[in-house]
Amino acid sequence: MSYMATKLKNARQSNGFSQNEIATILHISRQSISKWENDRGYPDLDNLIALSDLYKISIDELLKENEQLKDKIEENNTKINEKRKTLKLVNTRLY
């Protein structure tokens, strides 16, 4: 299990929340919470911020040791930048 999955589960339990309670607060399914805690997915940025607030731990602490997530974020940022360049080129040609 990844660092973040373990951290999320331990933080939830130490704050006395059930998966259902967190899901209700975040307006998502309990299965989403389970998926994150069992390392089958990651919360999006909005949910990550909300979890950080609920669990009273910094986002940095949640992400610090998670190299796989850092790599995915970096990969996504690269793709976003490439798409922005393409969009800018298309916009330039249109106008």
PDB file of N, CA and C in Angstrom:
ATOM      1  N   MET A   1       0.846  -1.184   0.000  1.00  0.00           N
ATOM      2  CA  MET A   1       0.000   0.000   0.000  1.00  0.00           C
ATOM      3  C   MET A   1       0.886   1.240   0.000  1.00  0.00           C
ATOM      4  N   SER A   2       0.488   2.256  -0.760  1.00  0.00           N
ATOM      5  CA  SER A   2       1.292   3.475  -0.868  1.00  0.00           C
ATOM      6  C   SER A   2       1.235   4.289   0.421  1.00  0.00           C
ATOM      7  N   TYR A   3       2.177   5.196   0.505  1.00  0.00           N
ATOM      8  CA  TYR A   3       2.252   6.099   1.644  1.00  0.00           C
ATOM      9  C   TYR A   3       0.948   6.873   1.815  1.00  0.00           C
ATOM     10  N   MET A   4       0.437   7.438   0.708  1.00  0.00           N
ATOM     11  CA  MET A   4      -0.758   8.268   0.806  1.00  0.00           C
ATOM     12  C   MET A   4      -1.971   7.458   1.222  1.00  0.00           C
ATOM     13  N   ALA A   5      -2.146   6.267   0.684  1.00  0.00           N
ATOM     14  CA  ALA A   5      -3.286   5.429   1.050  1.00  0.00           C
ATOM     15  C   ALA A   5      -3.264   5.133   2.548  1.00  0.00           C
ATOM     16  N   THR A   6      -2.103   4.767   3.037  1.00  0.00           N
ATOM     17  CA  THR A   6      -1.947   4.475   4.467  1.00  0.00           C
ATOM     18  C   THR A   6      -2.204   5.720   5.304  1.00  0.00           C
ATOM     19  N   LYS A   7      -1.661   6.842   4.849  1.00  0.00           N
ATOM     20  CA  LYS A   7      -1.824   8.110   5.574  1.00  0.00           C
ATOM     21  C   LYS A   7      -3.297   8.518   5.642  1.00  0.00           C
ATOM     22  N   LEU A   8      -4.009   8.393   4.524  1.00  0.00           N
ATOM     23  CA  LEU A   8      -5.433   8.748   4.500  1.00  0.00           C
ATOM     24  C   LEU A   8      -6.243   7.874   5.454  1.00  0.00           C
ATOM     25  N   LYS A   9      -5.995   6.592   5.420  1.00  0.00           N
ATOM     26  CA  LYS A   9      -6.742   5.666   6.282  1.00  0.00           C
ATOM     27  C   LYS A   9      -6.436   5.924   7.755  1.00  0.00           C
ATOM     28  N   ASN A  10      -5.159   6.061   8.076  1.00  0.00           N
ATOM     29  CA  ASN A  10      -4.784   6.310   9.472  1.00  0.00           C
ATOM     30  C   ASN A  10      -5.324   7.643   9.978  1.00  0.00           C
ATOM     31  N   ALA A  11      -5.287   8.666   9.134  1.00  0.00           N
ATOM     32  CA  ALA A  11      -5.790   9.986   9.528  1.00  0.00           C
ATOM     33  C   ALA A  11      -7.297   9.938   9.766  1.00  0.00           C
ATOM     34  N   ARG A  12      -8.016   9.250   8.883  1.00  0.00           N
ATOM     35  CA  ARG A  12      -9.466   9.130   9.049  1.00  0.00           C
ATOM     36  C   ARG A  12      -9.791   8.428  10.361  1.00  0.00           C
ATOM     37  N   GLN A  13      -9.132   7.296  10.593  1.00  0.00           N
ATOM     38  CA  GLN A  13      -9.405   6.525  11.800  1.00  0.00           C
ATOM     39  C   GLN A  13      -9.006   7.272  13.068  1.00  0.00           C
ATOM     40  N   SER A  14      -7.880   7.945  13.040  1.00  0.00           N
ATOM     41  CA  SER A  14      -7.428   8.654  14.241  1.00  0.00           C
ATOM     42  C   SER A  14      -8.312   9.858  14.564  1.00  0.00           C
ATOM     43  N   ASN A  15      -9.034  10.358  13.551  1.00  0.00           N
ATOM     44  CA  ASN A  15      -9.977  11.459  13.782  1.00  0.00           C
ATOM     45  C   ASN A  15     -11.388  10.950  14.075  1.00  0.00           C
ATOM     46  N   GLY A  16     -11.551   9.628  14.111  1.00  0.00           N
ATOM     47  CA  GLY A  16     -12.821   9.032  14.507  1.00  0.00           C
ATOM     48  C   GLY A  16     -13.904   9.064  13.444  1.00  0.00           C
ATOM     49  N   PHE A  17     -13.528   9.170  12.184  1.00  0.00           N
ATOM     50  CA  PHE A  17     -14.504   9.188  11.096  1.00  0.00           C
ATOM     51  C   PHE A  17     -14.633   7.805  10.468  1.00  0.00           C
ATOM     52  N   SER A  18     -15.847   7.495  10.011  1.00  0.00           N
ATOM     53  CA  SER A  18     -16.046   6.301   9.187  1.00  0.00           C
ATOM     54  C   SER A  18     -15.904   6.724   7.722  1.00  0.00           C
ATOM     55  N   GLN A  19     -15.748   5.743   6.854  1.00  0.00           N
ATOM     56  CA  GLN A  19     -15.706   6.059   5.427  1.00  0.00           C
ATOM     57  C   GLN A  19     -17.013   6.711   4.990  1.00  0.00           C
ATOM     58  N   ASN A  20     -18.137   6.236   5.529  1.00  0.00           N
ATOM     59  CA  ASN A  20     -19.444   6.822   5.186  1.00  0.00           C
ATOM     60  C   ASN A  20     -19.531   8.287   5.588  1.00  0.00           C
ATOM     61  N   GLU A  21     -19.016   8.620   6.757  1.00  0.00           N
ATOM     62  CA  GLU A  21     -19.072  10.010   7.217  1.00  0.00           C
ATOM     63  C   GLU A  21     -18.254  10.926   6.303  1.00  0.00           C
ATOM     64  N   ILE A  22     -17.063  10.489   5.956  1.00  0.00           N
ATOM     65  CA  ILE A  22     -16.216  11.295   5.064  1.00  0.00           C
ATOM     66  C   ILE A  22     -16.886  11.441   3.701  1.00  0.00           C
ATOM     67  N   ALA A  23     -17.444  10.351   3.199  1.00  0.00           N
ATOM     68  CA  ALA A  23     -18.124  10.398   1.896  1.00  0.00           C
ATOM     69  C   ALA A  23     -19.283  11.391   1.929  1.00  0.00           C
ATOM     70  N   THR A  24     -20.043  11.390   3.003  1.00  0.00           N
ATOM     71  CA  THR A  24     -21.175  12.307   3.142  1.00  0.00           C
ATOM     72  C   THR A  24     -20.696  13.760   3.183  1.00  0.00           C
ATOM     73  N   ILE A  25     -19.645  14.019   3.947  1.00  0.00           N
ATOM     74  CA  ILE A  25     -19.102  15.376   4.059  1.00  0.00           C
ATOM     75  C   ILE A  25     -18.605  15.873   2.701  1.00  0.00           C
ATOM     76  N   LEU A  26     -17.951  14.991   1.942  1.00  0.00           N
ATOM     77  CA  LEU A  26     -17.371  15.384   0.656  1.00  0.00           C
ATOM     78  C   LEU A  26     -18.354  15.264  -0.508  1.00  0.00           C
ATOM     79  N   HIS A  27     -19.552  14.727  -0.234  1.00  0.00           N
ATOM     80  CA  HIS A  27     -20.569  14.533  -1.272  1.00  0.00           C
ATOM     81  C   HIS A  27     -20.080  13.597  -2.381  1.00  0.00           C
ATOM     82  N   ILE A  28     -19.469  12.512  -1.951  1.00  0.00           N
ATOM     83  CA  ILE A  28     -19.000  11.485  -2.881  1.00  0.00           C
ATOM     84  C   ILE A  28     -19.413  10.119  -2.348  1.00  0.00           C
ATOM     85  N   SER A  29     -19.099   9.065  -3.072  1.00  0.00           N
ATOM     86  CA  SER A  29     -19.466   7.726  -2.622  1.00  0.00           C
ATOM     87  C   SER A  29     -18.462   7.187  -1.609  1.00  0.00           C
ATOM     88  N   ARG A  30     -18.938   6.281  -0.761  1.00  0.00           N
ATOM     89  CA  ARG A  30     -18.053   5.614   0.184  1.00  0.00           C
ATOM     90  C   ARG A  30     -16.997   4.804  -0.567  1.00  0.00           C
ATOM     91  N   GLN A  31     -17.376   4.299  -1.739  1.00  0.00           N
ATOM     92  CA  GLN A  31     -16.444   3.511  -2.543  1.00  0.00           C
ATOM     93  C   GLN A  31     -15.227   4.346  -2.965  1.00  0.00           C
ATOM     94  N   SER A  32     -15.441   5.646  -3.181  1.00  0.00           N
ATOM     95  CA  SER A  32     -14.312   6.517  -3.526  1.00  0.00           C
ATOM     96  C   SER A  32     -13.305   6.575  -2.384  1.00  0.00           C
ATOM     97  N   ILE A  33     -13.809   6.704  -1.165  1.00  0.00           N
ATOM     98  CA  ILE A  33     -12.939   6.732   0.011  1.00  0.00           C
ATOM     99  C   ILE A  33     -12.178   5.417   0.101  1.00  0.00           C
ATOM    100  N   SER A  34     -12.881   4.320  -0.066  1.00  0.00           N
ATOM    101  CA  SER A  34     -12.259   2.998  -0.025  1.00  0.00           C
ATOM    102  C   SER A  34     -11.183   2.860  -1.095  1.00  0.00           C
ATOM    103  N   LYS A  35     -11.484   3.346  -2.292  1.00  0.00           N
ATOM    104  CA  LYS A  35     -10.529   3.275  -3.405  1.00  0.00           C
ATOM    105  C   LYS A  35      -9.234   4.006  -3.053  1.00  0.00           C
ATOM    106  N   TRP A  36      -9.355   5.215  -2.482  1.00  0.00           N
ATOM    107  CA  TRP A  36      -8.174   5.985  -2.108  1.00  0.00           C
ATOM    108  C   TRP A  36      -7.369   5.283  -1.023  1.00  0.00           C
ATOM    109  N   GLU A  37      -8.090   4.721  -0.032  1.00  0.00           N
ATOM    110  CA  GLU A  37      -7.424   4.085   1.107  1.00  0.00           C
ATOM    111  C   GLU A  37      -6.837   2.723   0.754  1.00  0.00           C
ATOM    112  N   ASN A  38      -7.255   2.154  -0.355  1.00  0.00           N
ATOM    113  CA  ASN A  38      -6.728   0.862  -0.791  1.00  0.00           C
ATOM    114  C   ASN A  38      -5.822   0.998  -2.002  1.00  0.00           C
ATOM    115  N   ASP A  39      -5.387   2.233  -2.264  1.00  0.00           N
ATOM    116  CA  ASP A  39      -4.389   2.519  -3.291  1.00  0.00           C
ATOM    117  C   ASP A  39      -4.845   2.139  -4.697  1.00  0.00           C
ATOM    118  N   ARG A  40      -6.134   2.357  -4.971  1.00  0.00           N
ATOM    119  CA  ARG A  40      -6.661   2.091  -6.308  1.00  0.00           C
ATOM    120  C   ARG A  40      -7.050   3.394  -7.009  1.00  0.00           C
ATOM    121  N   GLY A  41      -6.656   4.510  -6.456  1.00  0.00           N
ATOM    122  CA  GLY A  41      -6.955   5.807  -7.036  1.00  0.00           C
ATOM    123  C   GLY A  41      -6.533   6.898  -6.079  1.00  0.00           C
ATOM    124  N   TYR A  42      -6.652   8.144  -6.557  1.00  0.00           N
ATOM    125  CA  TYR A  42      -6.254   9.297  -5.759  1.00  0.00           C
ATOM    126  C   TYR A  42      -7.373  10.327  -5.736  1.00  0.00           C
ATOM    127  N   PRO A  43      -7.509  11.039  -4.616  1.00  0.00           N
ATOM    128  CA  PRO A  43      -8.496  12.128  -4.580  1.00  0.00           C
ATOM    129  C   PRO A  43      -8.072  13.263  -5.502  1.00  0.00           C
ATOM    130  N   ASP A  44      -9.062  13.963  -6.057  1.00  0.00           N
ATOM    131  CA  ASP A  44      -8.724  15.140  -6.861  1.00  0.00           C
ATOM    132  C   ASP A  44      -8.293  16.264  -5.913  1.00  0.00           C
ATOM    133  N   LEU A  45      -7.851  17.359  -6.477  1.00  0.00           N
ATOM    134  CA  LEU A  45      -7.298  18.440  -5.666  1.00  0.00           C
ATOM    135  C   LEU A  45      -8.308  19.007  -4.667  1.00  0.00           C
ATOM    136  N   ASP A  46      -9.548  19.202  -5.093  1.00  0.00           N
ATOM    137  CA  ASP A  46     -10.573  19.736  -4.178  1.00  0.00           C
ATOM    138  C   ASP A  46     -10.784  18.813  -2.988  1.00  0.00           C
ATOM    139  N   ASN A  47     -10.867  17.515  -3.256  1.00  0.00           N
ATOM    140  CA  ASN A  47     -11.058  16.558  -2.166  1.00  0.00           C
ATOM    141  C   ASN A  47      -9.809  16.441  -1.303  1.00  0.00           C
ATOM    142  N   LEU A  48      -8.652  16.559  -1.902  1.00  0.00           N
ATOM    143  CA  LEU A  48      -7.406  16.516  -1.146  1.00  0.00           C
ATOM    144  C   LEU A  48      -7.345  17.672  -0.147  1.00  0.00           C
ATOM    145  N   ILE A  49      -7.754  18.849  -0.594  1.00  0.00           N
ATOM    146  CA  ILE A  49      -7.791  20.016   0.293  1.00  0.00           C
ATOM    147  C   ILE A  49      -8.795  19.795   1.423  1.00  0.00           C
ATOM    148  N   ALA A  50      -9.972  19.281   1.074  1.00  0.00           N
ATOM    149  CA  ALA A  50     -10.996  19.033   2.093  1.00  0.00           C
ATOM    150  C   ALA A  50     -10.514  17.987   3.104  1.00  0.00           C
ATOM    151  N   LEU A  51      -9.873  16.942   2.623  1.00  0.00           N
ATOM    152  CA  LEU A  51      -9.356  15.907   3.529  1.00  0.00           C
ATOM    153  C   LEU A  51      -8.282  16.477   4.446  1.00  0.00           C
ATOM    154  N   SER A  52      -7.428  17.305   3.889  1.00  0.00           N
ATOM    155  CA  SER A  52      -6.392  17.946   4.682  1.00  0.00           C
ATOM    156  C   SER A  52      -7.017  18.757   5.827  1.00  0.00           C
ATOM    157  N   ASP A  53      -8.073  19.496   5.519  1.00  0.00           N
ATOM    158  CA  ASP A  53      -8.771  20.283   6.550  1.00  0.00           C
ATOM    159  C   ASP A  53      -9.447  19.381   7.578  1.00  0.00           C
ATOM    160  N   LEU A  54     -10.153  18.365   7.102  1.00  0.00           N
ATOM    161  CA  LEU A  54     -10.870  17.462   8.008  1.00  0.00           C
ATOM    162  C   LEU A  54      -9.931  16.714   8.948  1.00  0.00           C
ATOM    163  N   TYR A  55      -8.819  16.256   8.396  1.00  0.00           N
ATOM    164  CA  TYR A  55      -7.887  15.439   9.169  1.00  0.00           C
ATOM    165  C   TYR A  55      -6.837  16.263   9.905  1.00  0.00           C
ATOM    166  N   LYS A  56      -6.849  17.568   9.659  1.00  0.00           N
ATOM    167  CA  LYS A  56      -5.914  18.493  10.311  1.00  0.00           C
ATOM    168  C   LYS A  56      -4.457  18.112  10.043  1.00  0.00           C
ATOM    169  N   ILE A  57      -4.175  17.779   8.780  1.00  0.00           N
ATOM    170  CA  ILE A  57      -2.803  17.513   8.355  1.00  0.00           C
ATOM    171  C   ILE A  57      -2.564  18.267   7.046  1.00  0.00           C
ATOM    172  N   SER A  58      -1.332  18.641   6.820  1.00  0.00           N
ATOM    173  CA  SER A  58      -1.034  19.427   5.629  1.00  0.00           C
ATOM    174  C   SER A  58      -1.087  18.560   4.369  1.00  0.00           C
ATOM    175  N   ILE A  59      -1.357  19.211   3.268  1.00  0.00           N
ATOM    176  CA  ILE A  59      -1.345  18.511   1.980  1.00  0.00           C
ATOM    177  C   ILE A  59       0.057  17.985   1.717  1.00  0.00           C
ATOM    178  N   ASP A  60       1.048  18.776   2.084  1.00  0.00           N
ATOM    179  CA  ASP A  60       2.434  18.351   1.908  1.00  0.00           C
ATOM    180  C   ASP A  60       2.695  17.038   2.648  1.00  0.00           C
ATOM    181  N   GLU A  61       2.169  16.923   3.830  1.00  0.00           N
ATOM    182  CA  GLU A  61       2.346  15.692   4.606  1.00  0.00           C
ATOM    183  C   GLU A  61       1.667  14.503   3.925  1.00  0.00           C
ATOM    184  N   LEU A  62       0.524  14.752   3.302  1.00  0.00           N
ATOM    185  CA  LEU A  62      -0.164  13.683   2.581  1.00  0.00           C
ATOM    186  C   LEU A  62       0.602  13.253   1.339  1.00  0.00           C
ATOM    187  N   LEU A  63       1.247  14.213   0.666  1.00  0.00           N
ATOM    188  CA  LEU A  63       1.895  13.927  -0.613  1.00  0.00           C
ATOM    189  C   LEU A  63       3.395  13.673  -0.531  1.00  0.00           C
ATOM    190  N   LYS A  64       4.011  14.118   0.536  1.00  0.00           N
ATOM    191  CA  LYS A  64       5.463  14.167   0.622  1.00  0.00           C
ATOM    192  C   LYS A  64       6.163  12.898   0.160  1.00  0.00           C
ATOM    193  N   GLU A  65       5.741  11.790   0.620  1.00  0.00           N
ATOM    194  CA  GLU A  65       6.434  10.535   0.321  1.00  0.00           C
ATOM    195  C   GLU A  65       5.851   9.793  -0.866  1.00  0.00           C
ATOM    196  N   ASN A  66       4.899  10.386  -1.544  1.00  0.00           N
ATOM    197  CA  ASN A  66       4.212   9.663  -2.608  1.00  0.00           C
ATOM    198  C   ASN A  66       4.819   9.990  -3.971  1.00  0.00           C
ATOM    199  N   GLU A  67       5.890   9.326  -4.301  1.00  0.00           N
ATOM    200  CA  GLU A  67       6.593   9.566  -5.562  1.00  0.00           C
ATOM    201  C   GLU A  67       5.724   9.246  -6.773  1.00  0.00           C
ATOM    202  N   GLN A  68       4.916   8.195  -6.670  1.00  0.00           N
ATOM    203  CA  GLN A  68       4.061   7.811  -7.792  1.00  0.00           C
ATOM    204  C   GLN A  68       3.077   8.934  -8.115  1.00  0.00           C
ATOM    205  N   LEU A  69       2.480   9.529  -7.099  1.00  0.00           N
ATOM    206  CA  LEU A  69       1.546  10.623  -7.328  1.00  0.00           C
ATOM    207  C   LEU A  69       2.283  11.852  -7.863  1.00  0.00           C
ATOM    208  N   LYS A  70       3.448  12.147  -7.331  1.00  0.00           N
ATOM    209  CA  LYS A  70       4.226  13.281  -7.831  1.00  0.00           C
ATOM    210  C   LYS A  70       4.535  13.101  -9.316  1.00  0.00           C
ATOM    211  N   ASP A  71       4.927  11.883  -9.693  1.00  0.00           N
ATOM    212  CA  ASP A  71       5.224  11.600 -11.100  1.00  0.00           C
ATOM    213  C   ASP A  71       3.987  11.791 -11.969  1.00  0.00           C
ATOM    214  N   LYS A  72       2.826  11.337 -11.485  1.00  0.00           N
ATOM    215  CA  LYS A  72       1.580  11.468 -12.240  1.00  0.00           C
ATOM    216  C   LYS A  72       1.210  12.944 -12.401  1.00  0.00           C
ATOM    217  N   ILE A  73       1.363  13.722 -11.352  1.00  0.00           N
ATOM    218  CA  ILE A  73       1.059  15.157 -11.413  1.00  0.00           C
ATOM    219  C   ILE A  73       1.992  15.836 -12.412  1.00  0.00           C
ATOM    220  N   GLU A  74       3.270  15.482 -12.370  1.00  0.00           N
ATOM    221  CA  GLU A  74       4.234  16.059 -13.302  1.00  0.00           C
ATOM    222  C   GLU A  74       3.887  15.690 -14.747  1.00  0.00           C
ATOM    223  N   GLU A  75       3.515  14.437 -14.962  1.00  0.00           N
ATOM    224  CA  GLU A  75       3.115  13.975 -16.294  1.00  0.00           C
ATOM    225  C   GLU A  75       1.886  14.737 -16.781  1.00  0.00           C
ATOM    226  N   ASN A  76       0.902  14.899 -15.896  1.00  0.00           N
ATOM    227  CA  ASN A  76      -0.312  15.641 -16.254  1.00  0.00           C
ATOM    228  C   ASN A  76      -0.001  17.096 -16.575  1.00  0.00           C
ATOM    229  N   ASN A  77       0.880  17.710 -15.804  1.00  0.00           N
ATOM    230  CA  ASN A  77       1.253  19.102 -16.068  1.00  0.00           C
ATOM    231  C   ASN A  77       1.926  19.249 -17.426  1.00  0.00           C
ATOM    232  N   THR A  78       2.747  18.279 -17.774  1.00  0.00           N
ATOM    233  CA  THR A  78       3.402  18.296 -19.093  1.00  0.00           C
ATOM    234  C   THR A  78       2.355  18.206 -20.193  1.00  0.00           C
ATOM    235  N   LYS A  79       1.392  17.297 -20.042  1.00  0.00           N
ATOM    236  CA  LYS A  79       0.327  17.149 -21.039  1.00  0.00           C
ATOM    237  C   LYS A  79      -0.503  18.423 -21.153  1.00  0.00           C
ATOM    238  N   ILE A  80      -0.805  19.032 -20.020  1.00  0.00           N
ATOM    239  CA  ILE A  80      -1.583  20.276 -20.013  1.00  0.00           C
ATOM    240  C   ILE A  80      -0.827  21.371 -20.763  1.00  0.00           C
ATOM    241  N   ASN A  81       0.455  21.492 -20.496  1.00  0.00           N
ATOM    242  CA  ASN A  81       1.254  22.513 -21.182  1.00  0.00           C
ATOM    243  C   ASN A  81       1.313  22.272 -22.680  1.00  0.00           C
ATOM    244  N   GLU A  82       1.434  21.010 -23.088  1.00  0.00           N
ATOM    245  CA  GLU A  82       1.443  20.688 -24.518  1.00  0.00           C
ATOM    246  C   GLU A  82       0.103  21.059 -25.164  1.00  0.00           C
ATOM    247  N   LYS A  83      -0.983  20.770 -24.485  1.00  0.00           N
ATOM    248  CA  LYS A  83      -2.312  21.090 -25.025  1.00  0.00           C
ATOM    249  C   LYS A  83      -2.527  22.598 -25.078  1.00  0.00           C
ATOM    250  N   ARG A  84      -1.998  23.322 -24.109  1.00  0.00           N
ATOM    251  CA  ARG A  84      -2.091  24.788 -24.133  1.00  0.00           C
ATOM    252  C   ARG A  84      -1.355  25.364 -25.332  1.00  0.00           C
ATOM    253  N   LYS A  85      -0.182  24.808 -25.620  1.00  0.00           N
ATOM    254  CA  LYS A  85       0.582  25.274 -26.783  1.00  0.00           C
ATOM    255  C   LYS A  85      -0.193  25.014 -28.072  1.00  0.00           C
ATOM    256  N   THR A  86      -0.793  23.835 -28.167  1.00  0.00           N
ATOM    257  CA  THR A  86      -1.584  23.491 -29.345  1.00  0.00           C
ATOM    258  C   THR A  86      -2.782  24.424 -29.460  1.00  0.00           C
ATOM    259  N   LEU A  87      -3.454  24.669 -28.355  1.00  0.00           N
ATOM    260  CA  LEU A  87      -4.618  25.559 -28.343  1.00  0.00           C
ATOM    261  C   LEU A  87      -4.212  26.978 -28.739  1.00  0.00           C
ATOM    262  N   LYS A  88      -3.084  27.429 -28.231  1.00  0.00           N
ATOM    263  CA  LYS A  88      -2.613  28.771 -28.581  1.00  0.00           C
ATOM    264  C   LYS A  88      -2.327  28.865 -30.081  1.00  0.00           C
ATOM    265  N   LEU A  89      -1.725  27.823 -30.626  1.00  0.00           N
ATOM    266  CA  LEU A  89      -1.441  27.795 -32.050  1.00  0.00           C
ATOM    267  C   LEU A  89      -2.732  27.820 -32.864  1.00  0.00           C
ATOM    268  N   VAL A  90      -3.722  27.041 -32.461  1.00  0.00           N
ATOM    269  CA  VAL A  90      -5.024  27.017 -33.141  1.00  0.00           C
ATOM    270  C   VAL A  90      -5.685  28.394 -33.053  1.00  0.00           C
ATOM    271  N   ASN A  91      -5.671  28.984 -31.869  1.00  0.00           N
ATOM    272  CA  ASN A  91      -6.263  30.320 -31.682  1.00  0.00           C
ATOM    273  C   ASN A  91      -5.565  31.361 -32.542  1.00  0.00           C
ATOM    274  N   THR A  92      -4.244  31.264 -32.624  1.00  0.00           N
ATOM    275  CA  THR A  92      -3.478  32.206 -33.437  1.00  0.00           C
ATOM    276  C   THR A  92      -3.866  32.089 -34.915  1.00  0.00           C
ATOM    277  N   ARG A  93      -4.035  30.869 -35.381  1.00  0.00           N
ATOM    278  CA  ARG A  93      -4.411  30.651 -36.783  1.00  0.00           C
ATOM    279  C   ARG A  93      -5.833  31.116 -37.058  1.00  0.00           C
ATOM    280  N   LEU A  94      -6.716  30.994 -36.075  1.00  0.00           N
ATOM    281  CA  LEU A  94      -8.104  31.407 -36.262  1.00  0.00           C
ATOM    282  C   LEU A  94      -8.259  32.924 -36.261  1.00  0.00           C
ATOM    283  N   TYR A  95      -7.442  33.577 -35.479  1.00  0.00           N
ATOM    284  CA  TYR A  95      -7.595  35.028 -35.337  1.00  0.00           C
ATOM    285  C   TYR A  95      -6.402  35.721 -35.903  1.00  0.00           C
TER     286      TYR A  95
END
